[in-house]
Amino acid sequence: MPAMPNESDLTICFAHAAYQLQAAFDRRGRTARSFEVRSLEELKARAPEADVMVVSGMWRNELIPLCPKLRFVQSVSAGTDQYDKAAFAAAGIRLASAQGANERAVSEHAMALILSLTRQIHLARDNQTARHWRPMIGDRGRREDELGGKTLAIIGLGRIGLRLAALASAFGMRVIGVRRSPEKQPHIEAVVRPDQLPEVLAQADIVALTCPLTPETEGLIGAQALAAMKPSALLINVARGKVVDEAALLAALTENRIAGAGLDCFHDEPLPESSPFWTLPQVVVTPHSAGETRAYEDNVVDILVENLGRLTKGETTLRNQIV
């Protein structure tokens, strides 16, 4: 593939409903022209102007034939399941993810969900709202718990999963990882293949999902997986909603077959007001915000700038290359 034009000859479209990506790019003193859109309607109207697009949730694959100039898409997200990779390759459009841009944020969010559930911070907040001073609890099974000595199973050992393992290790937790290539990793007692998942689930006090959404992981945590978990176990999902069978999870929670869940992502987002997950006392819901951080725009632009440099030099390998 020939080199892209010099950056000064490029037009970049930043497409995000909230993030201030263009401002972060402009602070670098870059020479490319750029514009920013905040809605899908704006994106469809102006996408044909773009040589480069920085986008995630607004992306639609039907934009490809509308964008004759488009040469490169820098995803704003680490996940790339929304992009048709074959169509990108056929159109000669390169694609890179934002893997690593939010590894600290997501791993820390997962740890926050674990701490919230084990220390019952969510219930304390409910009591605060109700101005209720909860008395001390005689029933040991209903008290707050400690993490030291507990077993954390992390499904997906990319950058987020590995960083979560380091955080969990600092709390004295025993960590088991699940990944396709089971090489030994720091802070992890054992790394096993996905076909050993049932045995891992049976050992785990907490199961954390940090894997990408792929055909292999879609519905990975379904009725069978949930049945393998301890009744006292917690499920943490900072991956993608469709990694979990929501109907099976709801049944497991309402029937007390697992103890609770911290959920950052769902099949339908925003989570409908009618969803029963909102009102389950043993569930903490966050609005797919695990990856949000004040540093996010700068982290994404770091990757964008590096990839623009590679493309204008005619290099064939991108940072976080997908296509």
Protein backbone atom coordinates (compact mmCIF):
# COMPACT_ATOMS: atom_id res chain seq x y z
CA MET A 1 0.00 0.00 0.00
CA PRO A 2 1.47 3.42 -0.93
CA ALA A 3 2.29 5.97 1.74
CA MET A 4 -0.44 8.38 2.76
CA PRO A 5 -0.02 12.03 1.86
CA ASN A 6 1.88 14.26 4.24
CA GLU A 7 -0.04 15.11 7.38
CA SER A 8 -0.53 18.72 6.21
CA ASP A 9 -2.55 17.37 3.27
CA LEU A 10 -4.86 15.23 5.41
CA THR A 11 -8.32 15.96 6.79
CA ILE A 12 -9.16 14.21 10.03
CA CYS A 13 -12.69 13.68 11.33
CA PHE A 14 -13.06 13.29 15.09
CA ALA A 15 -16.41 11.64 15.83
CA HIS A 16 -17.49 11.23 19.44
CA ALA A 17 -20.52 12.36 21.40
CA ALA A 18 -18.54 13.62 24.39
CA TYR A 19 -14.76 13.33 24.17
CA GLN A 20 -12.71 16.44 23.32
CA LEU A 21 -10.47 14.68 20.82
CA GLN A 22 -9.97 17.55 18.39
CA ALA A 23 -8.82 19.84 21.18
CA ALA A 24 -6.32 17.23 22.37
CA PHE A 25 -5.02 16.92 18.80
CA ASP A 26 -4.81 20.68 18.30
CA ARG A 27 -2.74 21.05 21.47
CA ARG A 28 0.00 19.04 19.76
CA GLY A 29 0.43 21.71 17.07
CA ARG A 30 -0.21 19.20 14.29
CA THR A 31 -0.53 20.31 10.68
CA ALA A 32 -3.51 18.25 9.50
CA ARG A 33 -6.88 19.90 8.94
CA SER A 34 -9.57 18.53 11.25
CA PHE A 35 -13.20 18.82 12.21
CA GLU A 36 -15.33 17.32 14.96
CA VAL A 37 -18.85 15.86 14.87
CA ARG A 38 -21.06 14.97 17.81
CA SER A 39 -23.86 12.92 16.22
CA LEU A 40 -24.34 10.16 13.68
CA GLU A 41 -26.26 12.55 11.44
CA GLU A 42 -23.32 14.98 11.39
CA LEU A 43 -20.92 12.13 10.75
CA LYS A 44 -22.87 10.82 7.77
CA ALA A 45 -23.04 14.32 6.31
CA ARG A 46 -19.34 15.11 6.64
CA ALA A 47 -17.66 11.69 6.48
CA PRO A 48 -16.87 11.99 2.73
CA GLU A 49 -14.46 14.83 3.58
CA ALA A 50 -12.23 12.64 5.74
CA ASP A 51 -8.94 10.97 4.91
CA VAL A 52 -8.69 9.80 8.51
CA MET A 53 -11.45 9.13 11.00
CA VAL A 54 -11.17 8.86 14.79
CA VAL A 55 -14.35 7.13 15.93
CA SER A 56 -15.85 4.24 17.90
CA GLY A 57 -19.51 4.10 18.91
CA MET A 58 -20.71 6.22 15.97
CA TRP A 59 -19.09 4.00 13.37
CA ARG A 60 -21.39 2.28 10.87
CA ASN A 61 -20.00 -0.05 8.21
CA GLU A 62 -22.32 1.48 5.61
CA LEU A 63 -20.10 4.58 5.78
CA ILE A 64 -17.37 2.79 3.81
CA PRO A 65 -18.83 3.34 0.31
CA LEU A 66 -19.67 6.94 1.26
CA CYS A 67 -16.03 7.78 2.06
CA PRO A 68 -13.91 7.62 -1.10
CA LYS A 69 -10.99 9.46 0.55
CA LEU A 70 -10.90 7.43 3.75
CA ARG A 71 -7.54 5.72 4.26
CA PHE A 72 -7.31 5.10 8.00
CA VAL A 73 -9.65 4.69 10.98
CA GLN A 74 -8.23 5.10 14.45
CA SER A 75 -10.71 3.52 16.83
CA VAL A 76 -11.34 5.45 20.04
CA SER A 77 -12.06 2.14 21.80
CA ALA A 78 -9.97 -0.93 22.51
CA GLY A 79 -12.81 -3.14 21.28
CA THR A 80 -13.27 -3.34 17.51
CA ASP A 81 -16.21 -5.72 17.08
CA GLN A 82 -18.24 -2.91 15.45
CA TYR A 83 -15.94 -2.78 12.40
CA ASP A 84 -16.29 -5.11 9.39
CA LYS A 85 -12.64 -6.06 8.97
CA ALA A 86 -13.15 -7.77 5.61
CA ALA A 87 -14.88 -4.68 4.23
CA PHE A 88 -12.04 -2.49 5.50
CA ALA A 89 -9.45 -4.70 3.80
CA ALA A 90 -11.42 -4.76 0.54
CA ALA A 91 -11.66 -0.96 0.55
CA GLY A 92 -7.97 -0.49 1.40
CA ILE A 93 -8.76 1.23 4.70
CA ARG A 94 -6.40 0.63 7.62
CA LEU A 95 -7.75 0.17 11.15
CA ALA A 96 -6.09 0.38 14.55
CA SER A 97 -7.55 0.04 18.02
CA ALA A 98 -7.02 2.18 21.11
CA GLN A 99 -5.79 -0.79 23.12
CA GLY A 100 -3.87 0.44 26.13
CA ALA A 101 -5.47 3.88 26.20
CA ASN A 102 -7.67 2.93 29.13
CA GLU A 103 -5.94 -0.10 30.66
CA ARG A 104 -5.38 1.73 33.95
CA ALA A 105 -8.92 3.07 34.08
CA VAL A 106 -10.65 -0.24 33.29
CA SER A 107 -8.53 -2.33 35.62
CA GLU A 108 -8.99 0.18 38.44
CA HIS A 109 -12.74 0.26 37.75
CA ALA A 110 -12.87 -3.53 37.98
CA MET A 111 -11.05 -3.34 41.30
CA ALA A 112 -13.47 -0.63 42.47
CA LEU A 113 -16.44 -2.88 41.66
CA ILE A 114 -14.81 -5.74 43.57
CA LEU A 115 -14.20 -3.49 46.59
CA SER A 116 -17.69 -1.98 46.41
CA LEU A 117 -19.31 -5.40 46.55
CA THR A 118 -17.04 -6.97 49.16
CA ARG A 119 -17.07 -3.89 51.41
CA GLN A 120 -20.77 -3.22 50.65
CA ILE A 121 -20.16 0.37 49.65
CA HIS A 122 -23.21 0.25 47.36
CA LEU A 123 -25.43 -0.67 50.31
CA ALA A 124 -23.82 2.02 52.45
CA ARG A 125 -24.68 4.59 49.77
CA ASP A 126 -28.29 3.37 49.75
CA ASN A 127 -28.37 3.73 53.53
CA GLN A 128 -26.88 7.20 53.28
CA THR A 129 -29.63 8.23 50.86
CA ALA A 130 -32.20 6.84 53.31
CA ARG A 131 -30.39 8.44 56.32
CA HIS A 132 -30.22 4.99 57.89
CA TRP A 133 -27.40 4.09 60.29
CA ARG A 134 -27.07 0.36 59.82
CA PRO A 135 -26.39 -1.50 63.09
CA MET A 136 -23.59 -4.01 63.48
CA ILE A 137 -24.31 -7.39 61.93
CA GLY A 138 -24.32 -10.60 63.94
CA ASP A 139 -24.75 -12.90 60.94
CA ARG A 140 -21.19 -13.42 59.66
CA GLY A 141 -22.42 -14.36 56.19
CA ARG A 142 -24.00 -10.92 55.75
CA ARG A 143 -21.01 -8.84 56.84
CA GLU A 144 -18.45 -7.05 54.67
CA ASP A 145 -15.57 -9.25 53.58
CA GLU A 146 -11.79 -9.10 53.03
CA LEU A 147 -9.92 -9.82 49.81
CA GLY A 148 -6.74 -11.35 51.22
CA GLY A 149 -6.60 -15.05 50.39
CA LYS A 150 -9.57 -14.91 48.01
CA THR A 151 -9.24 -16.41 44.52
CA LEU A 152 -9.79 -14.10 41.55
CA ALA A 153 -10.30 -15.66 38.12
CA ILE A 154 -9.53 -13.25 35.28
CA ILE A 155 -10.91 -14.26 31.90
CA GLY A 156 -8.85 -12.45 29.27
CA LEU A 157 -5.23 -11.56 29.96
CA GLY A 158 -4.62 -8.60 27.73
CA ARG A 159 -3.25 -5.37 29.17
CA ILE A 160 -6.35 -4.79 31.31
CA GLY A 161 -6.43 -8.32 32.70
CA LEU A 162 -2.71 -8.29 33.50
CA ARG A 163 -2.97 -4.93 35.25
CA LEU A 164 -5.97 -6.14 37.24
CA ALA A 165 -3.88 -9.15 38.29
CA ALA A 166 -1.20 -6.80 39.65
CA LEU A 167 -3.79 -4.80 41.61
CA ALA A 168 -5.39 -7.96 43.01
CA SER A 169 -2.00 -9.31 44.00
CA ALA A 170 -1.39 -6.15 46.03
CA PHE A 171 -4.53 -7.01 48.02
CA GLY A 172 -3.16 -10.48 48.74
CA MET A 173 -5.46 -12.28 46.33
CA ARG A 174 -4.66 -15.53 44.56
CA VAL A 175 -5.07 -14.98 40.81
CA ILE A 176 -5.85 -17.53 38.10
CA GLY A 177 -5.92 -16.39 34.47
CA VAL A 178 -7.75 -17.82 31.47
CA ARG A 179 -6.38 -17.24 27.97
CA ARG A 180 -5.78 -19.15 24.75
CA SER A 181 -1.99 -19.11 25.16
CA PRO A 182 -1.29 -20.12 28.76
CA GLU A 183 2.20 -18.72 29.31
CA LYS A 184 3.20 -17.85 32.85
CA GLN A 185 2.47 -14.21 33.73
CA PRO A 186 3.53 -11.96 36.64
CA HIS A 187 1.19 -11.85 39.67
CA ILE A 188 -0.75 -14.89 38.41
CA GLU A 189 -0.48 -18.27 40.09
CA ALA A 190 -1.68 -20.24 37.07
CA VAL A 191 -2.73 -19.50 33.51
CA VAL A 192 -5.03 -22.04 31.87
CA ARG A 193 -6.76 -22.51 28.53
CA PRO A 194 -10.47 -21.76 28.00
CA ASP A 195 -11.36 -25.47 27.99
CA GLN A 196 -10.46 -25.50 31.70
CA LEU A 197 -12.89 -22.69 32.50
CA PRO A 198 -15.39 -24.85 34.48
CA GLU A 199 -12.64 -25.94 36.90
CA VAL A 200 -11.48 -22.35 37.33
CA LEU A 201 -15.00 -21.06 37.96
CA ALA A 202 -15.51 -23.67 40.67
CA GLN A 203 -12.45 -22.33 42.54
CA ALA A 204 -13.08 -18.62 42.14
CA ASP A 205 -14.47 -16.29 44.77
CA ILE A 206 -14.58 -13.53 42.15
CA VAL A 207 -14.74 -13.89 38.37
CA ALA A 208 -13.64 -10.85 36.33
CA LEU A 209 -14.29 -10.56 32.59
CA THR A 210 -11.67 -8.50 30.75
CA CYS A 211 -11.78 -10.32 27.39
CA PRO A 212 -12.72 -8.92 23.97
CA LEU A 213 -16.03 -9.81 22.36
CA THR A 214 -15.36 -12.49 19.75
CA PRO A 215 -17.37 -15.43 18.39
CA GLU A 216 -15.61 -17.55 21.04
CA THR A 217 -16.43 -15.25 23.97
CA GLU A 218 -20.00 -14.27 23.04
CA GLY A 219 -22.28 -15.88 25.65
CA LEU A 220 -19.25 -17.36 27.41
CA ILE A 221 -20.82 -16.80 30.83
CA GLY A 222 -24.12 -18.59 30.42
CA ALA A 223 -26.20 -20.97 32.50
CA GLN A 224 -23.55 -23.69 32.51
CA ALA A 225 -20.74 -21.35 33.55
CA LEU A 226 -22.85 -19.71 36.24
CA ALA A 227 -23.82 -23.13 37.61
CA ALA A 228 -20.12 -23.91 38.03
CA MET A 229 -19.58 -20.84 40.24
CA LYS A 230 -19.78 -20.87 44.03
CA PRO A 231 -23.01 -19.52 45.60
CA SER A 232 -20.77 -16.99 47.38
CA ALA A 233 -19.01 -15.86 44.18
CA LEU A 234 -19.15 -12.46 42.50
CA LEU A 235 -19.12 -11.70 38.76
CA ILE A 236 -17.42 -8.55 37.46
CA ASN A 237 -17.94 -7.55 33.81
CA VAL A 238 -15.80 -4.77 32.36
CA ALA A 239 -15.55 -6.50 28.96
CA ARG A 240 -18.62 -6.43 26.70
CA GLY A 241 -22.24 -7.07 27.57
CA LYS A 242 -22.65 -9.95 25.15
CA VAL A 243 -19.93 -11.98 26.85
CA VAL A 244 -22.66 -12.72 29.42
CA ASP A 245 -26.03 -14.39 28.86
CA GLU A 246 -28.10 -11.76 30.69
CA ALA A 247 -31.17 -13.96 31.18
CA ALA A 248 -29.04 -16.68 32.75
CA LEU A 249 -27.26 -14.14 34.96
CA LEU A 250 -30.52 -12.60 36.10
CA ALA A 251 -31.85 -16.04 37.05
CA ALA A 252 -28.64 -16.89 38.94
CA LEU A 253 -28.82 -13.63 40.90
CA THR A 254 -32.51 -13.70 41.75
CA GLU A 255 -32.27 -17.36 42.80
CA ASN A 256 -29.17 -16.61 44.93
CA ARG A 257 -27.02 -19.08 42.96
CA ILE A 258 -24.27 -16.46 42.93
CA ALA A 259 -23.83 -13.70 45.48
CA GLY A 260 -23.63 -10.57 43.33
CA ALA A 261 -22.33 -8.80 40.26
CA GLY A 262 -20.60 -5.59 39.23
CA LEU A 263 -21.72 -4.80 35.69
CA ASP A 264 -20.33 -2.04 33.50
CA CYS A 265 -21.71 -3.25 30.16
CA PHE A 266 -24.93 -4.73 28.86
CA HIS A 267 -26.52 -6.10 25.70
CA ASP A 268 -28.60 -2.94 25.27
CA GLU A 269 -27.07 0.41 26.13
CA PRO A 270 -28.22 2.67 27.65
CA LEU A 271 -29.62 0.03 30.01
CA PRO A 272 -33.44 0.28 29.66
CA GLU A 273 -35.28 1.73 32.64
CA SER A 274 -37.32 -1.48 32.77
CA SER A 275 -34.24 -3.67 33.30
CA PRO A 276 -34.39 -5.61 36.58
CA PHE A 277 -30.64 -5.16 37.01
CA TRP A 278 -31.28 -1.59 38.22
CA THR A 279 -33.08 -2.73 41.36
CA LEU A 280 -31.20 -5.86 42.44
CA PRO A 281 -29.54 -4.99 45.77
CA GLN A 282 -26.61 -7.34 45.14
CA VAL A 283 -25.73 -5.68 41.81
CA VAL A 284 -23.66 -2.56 41.14
CA VAL A 285 -24.44 -0.98 37.74
CA THR A 286 -22.10 1.51 36.08
CA PRO A 287 -22.89 3.08 32.68
CA HIS A 288 -20.12 1.54 30.55
CA SER A 289 -17.82 4.05 32.19
CA ALA A 290 -14.95 1.74 33.16
CA GLY A 291 -12.77 3.13 30.39
CA GLU A 292 -13.46 6.78 31.13
CA THR A 293 -10.56 8.81 32.45
CA ARG A 294 -9.45 12.43 32.31
CA ALA A 295 -6.41 11.22 30.37
CA TYR A 296 -8.38 9.38 27.68
CA GLU A 297 -8.24 11.94 24.86
CA ASP A 298 -4.49 12.40 25.20
CA ASN A 299 -3.95 8.64 25.34
CA VAL A 300 -5.93 8.10 22.12
CA VAL A 301 -4.21 10.99 20.35
CA ASP A 302 -0.82 9.53 21.31
CA ILE A 303 -1.74 6.38 19.35
CA LEU A 304 -3.25 8.39 16.48
CA VAL A 305 -0.15 10.57 16.05
CA GLU A 306 2.17 7.56 16.11
CA ASN A 307 0.08 5.78 13.48
CA LEU A 308 -0.13 8.85 11.26
CA GLY A 309 3.65 9.03 11.36
CA ARG A 310 3.96 5.40 10.34
CA LEU A 311 1.44 5.71 7.52
CA THR A 312 2.94 8.84 6.00
CA LYS A 313 6.33 7.09 5.99
CA GLY A 314 4.83 4.17 4.11
CA GLU A 315 5.27 1.74 6.98
CA THR A 316 3.02 -1.32 6.84
CA THR A 317 2.72 -2.04 10.56
CA LEU A 318 0.56 0.09 12.84
CA ARG A 319 0.43 0.37 16.60
CA ASN A 320 -2.54 -1.77 17.69
CA GLN A 321 -3.08 -2.82 14.09
CA ILE A 322 -6.37 -4.56 13.26
CA VAL A 323 -6.41 -4.21 9.45
